[in-house]
C-alpha atoms as a PDB file:
ATOM      1  CA  THR A   1      55.134  66.272  -4.118  1.00  0.00           C
ATOM      2  CA  SER A   2      53.275  64.450  -1.428  1.00  0.00           C
ATOM      3  CA  PHE A   3      50.630  61.794  -2.003  1.00  0.00           C
ATOM      4  CA  SER A   4      48.344  60.426   0.708  1.00  0.00           C
ATOM      5  CA  THR A   5      46.122  57.380   0.839  1.00  0.00           C
ATOM      6  CA  ALA A   6      43.680  55.858   3.184  1.00  0.00           C
ATOM      7  CA  CYS A   7      41.491  52.726   3.144  1.00  0.00           C
ATOM      8  CA  TYR A   8      38.294  51.938   5.021  1.00  0.00           C
ATOM      9  CA  PRO A   9      36.921  49.917   6.543  1.00  0.00           C
ATOM     10  CA  ASN A  10      40.092  48.163   7.620  1.00  0.00           C
ATOM     11  CA  PRO A  11      39.851  45.367   8.283  1.00  0.00           C
ATOM     12  CA  PHE A  12      37.214  44.690   5.763  1.00  0.00           C
ATOM     13  CA  ARG A  13      34.893  41.812   4.775  1.00  0.00           C
ATOM     14  CA  ASN A  14      33.443  42.231   1.234  1.00  0.00           C
ATOM     15  CA  SER A  15      35.006  45.462  -0.108  1.00  0.00           C
ATOM     16  CA  ILE A  16      37.307  48.158   0.829  1.00  0.00           C
ATOM     17  CA  THR A  17      37.479  51.696  -0.443  1.00  0.00           C
ATOM     18  CA  ILE A  18      41.010  53.066  -1.138  1.00  0.00           C
ATOM     19  CA  SER A  19      41.138  56.748  -1.498  1.00  0.00           C
ATOM     20  CA  PHE A  20      44.074  58.872  -2.468  1.00  0.00           C
ATOM     21  CA  ASN A  21      45.019  62.518  -2.814  1.00  0.00           C
ATOM     22  CA  ILE A  22      46.968  63.050  -6.049  1.00  0.00           C
ATOM     23  CA  PRO A  23      47.542  66.504  -7.537  1.00  0.00           C
ATOM     24  CA  ARG A  24      45.686  66.895 -10.697  1.00  0.00           C
ATOM     25  CA  GLN A  25      48.921  67.274 -12.836  1.00  0.00           C
ATOM     26  CA  ASN A  26      49.880  63.828 -11.679  1.00  0.00           C
ATOM     27  CA  ARG A  27      46.765  61.901 -12.320  1.00  0.00           C
ATOM     28  CA  LYS A  28      48.165  60.374 -15.591  1.00  0.00           C
ATOM     29  CA  ASN A  29      49.438  56.745 -15.766  1.00  0.00           C
ATOM     30  CA  THR A  30      48.138  56.039 -12.283  1.00  0.00           C
ATOM     31  CA  GLU A  31      47.422  52.455 -11.166  1.00  0.00           C
ATOM     32  CA  LEU A  32      46.717  50.689  -7.831  1.00  0.00           C
ATOM     33  CA  GLU A  33      48.285  47.193  -7.488  1.00  0.00           C
ATOM     34  CA  ILE A  34      47.263  44.644  -4.826  1.00  0.00           C
ATOM     35  CA  TYR A  35      49.670  42.283  -3.336  1.00  0.00           C
ATOM     36  CA  ASN A  36      49.443  39.333  -1.007  1.00  0.00           C
ATOM     37  CA  VAL A  37      51.983  38.745   1.871  1.00  0.00           C
ATOM     38  CA  LYS A  38      54.089  36.624  -0.456  1.00  0.00           C
ATOM     39  CA  GLY A  39      54.609  39.608  -2.714  1.00  0.00           C
ATOM     40  CA  GLU A  40      52.475  38.253  -5.458  1.00  0.00           C
ATOM     41  CA  GLN A  41      50.531  40.833  -7.412  1.00  0.00           C
ATOM     42  CA  ILE A  42      46.809  39.574  -7.482  1.00  0.00           C
ATOM     43  CA  ARG A  43      45.190  42.574  -9.005  1.00  0.00           C
ATOM     44  CA  LYS A  44      46.001  45.713 -10.912  1.00  0.00           C
ATOM     45  CA  ILE A  45      43.541  48.522 -11.212  1.00  0.00           C
ATOM     46  CA  LEU A  46      44.038  51.427 -13.703  1.00  0.00           C
ATOM     47  CA  VAL A  47      43.048  54.780 -12.147  1.00  0.00           C
ATOM     48  CA  ASP A  48      40.983  57.123 -14.258  1.00  0.00           C
ATOM     49  CA  ASN A  49      42.363  60.687 -13.847  1.00  0.00           C
ATOM     50  CA  SER A  50      39.181  61.992 -12.465  1.00  0.00           C
ATOM     51  CA  GLN A  51      38.872  59.217  -9.680  1.00  0.00           C
ATOM     52  CA  LEU A  52      39.961  59.943  -6.158  1.00  0.00           C
ATOM     53  CA  SER A  53      39.096  56.450  -4.764  1.00  0.00           C
ATOM     54  CA  ILE A  54      38.909  52.832  -5.892  1.00  0.00           C
ATOM     55  CA  VAL A  55      36.738  50.090  -4.396  1.00  0.00           C
ATOM     56  CA  TRP A  56      38.365  46.752  -4.236  1.00  0.00           C
ATOM     57  CA  ASP A  57      36.077  43.836  -4.038  1.00  0.00           C
ATOM     58  CA  GLY A  58      38.477  41.383  -2.690  1.00  0.00           C
ATOM     59  CA  LYS A  59      38.846  39.573  -5.867  1.00  0.00           C
ATOM     60  CA  ASP A  60      41.883  38.803  -7.949  1.00  0.00           C
ATOM     61  CA  THR A  61      42.335  39.544 -11.654  1.00  0.00           C
ATOM     62  CA  PHE A  62      40.335  36.568 -12.748  1.00  0.00           C
ATOM     63  CA  GLY A  63      37.392  37.462 -10.412  1.00  0.00           C
ATOM     64  CA  LYS A  64      38.018  34.846  -7.743  1.00  0.00           C
ATOM     65  CA  ALA A  65      37.615  35.827  -4.188  1.00  0.00           C
ATOM     66  CA  VAL A  66      40.884  35.910  -2.318  1.00  0.00           C
ATOM     67  CA  ASN A  67      41.461  34.309   1.049  1.00  0.00           C
ATOM     68  CA  THR A  68      41.416  35.976   4.355  1.00  0.00           C
ATOM     69  CA  GLY A  69      44.565  37.758   5.229  1.00  0.00           C
ATOM     70  CA  VAL A  70      46.760  40.677   5.024  1.00  0.00           C
ATOM     71  CA  TYR A  71      47.110  42.469   1.636  1.00  0.00           C
ATOM     72  CA  PHE A  72      49.162  45.348   0.525  1.00  0.00           C
ATOM     73  CA  TYR A  73      48.176  48.116  -2.029  1.00  0.00           C
ATOM     74  CA  LYS A  74      50.667  50.059  -3.899  1.00  0.00           C
ATOM     75  CA  LEU A  75      49.849  53.263  -5.701  1.00  0.00           C
ATOM     76  CA  ARG A  76      52.048  53.936  -8.723  1.00  0.00           C
ATOM     77  CA  ILE A  77      52.239  56.893 -10.801  1.00  0.00           C
ATOM     78  CA  ASP A  78      54.308  57.008 -14.065  1.00  0.00           C
ATOM     79  CA  ASN A  79      55.873  53.550 -12.947  1.00  0.00           C
ATOM     80  CA  LYS A  80      57.024  54.997  -9.582  1.00  0.00           C
ATOM     81  CA  THR A  81      55.694  53.781  -6.256  1.00  0.00           C
ATOM     82  CA  VAL A  82      54.464  56.645  -4.286  1.00  0.00           C
ATOM     83  CA  ALA A  83      52.522  54.817  -1.399  1.00  0.00           C
ATOM     84  CA  VAL A  84      52.345  51.299  -0.037  1.00  0.00           C
ATOM     85  CA  LYS A  85      49.775  50.456   2.797  1.00  0.00           C
ATOM     86  CA  LYS A  86      48.362  47.380   4.417  1.00  0.00           C
ATOM     87  CA  CYS A  87      44.854  46.176   4.539  1.00  0.00           C
ATOM     88  CA  VAL A  88      43.293  43.126   6.179  1.00  0.00           C
ATOM     89  CA  LEU A  89      40.456  40.977   4.721  1.00  0.00           C
ATOM     90  CA  LEU A  90      38.319  39.005   7.122  1.00  0.00           C
ATOM     91  CA  LYS A  91      35.759  36.538   5.880  1.00  0.00           C
END
């Protein structure tokens, strides 16, 4: 099974939309994780099985705005990583 993701705009200033193409039968136990360049998880977003995109507002788990820099988002389904992509936050 192939999964595709895209993010726009990239680089972004306030928020970024991360869209994904997941077959309907695979839309259970789906989450999007955001990591900084140090490999630290800064946010985890559970994906509702009807969603085809997520908007990340550039904030961490505690609602604090993160710094300018490179971030990686990881799409995980049933605890398996199916996609990892890079995005850039500019302030």
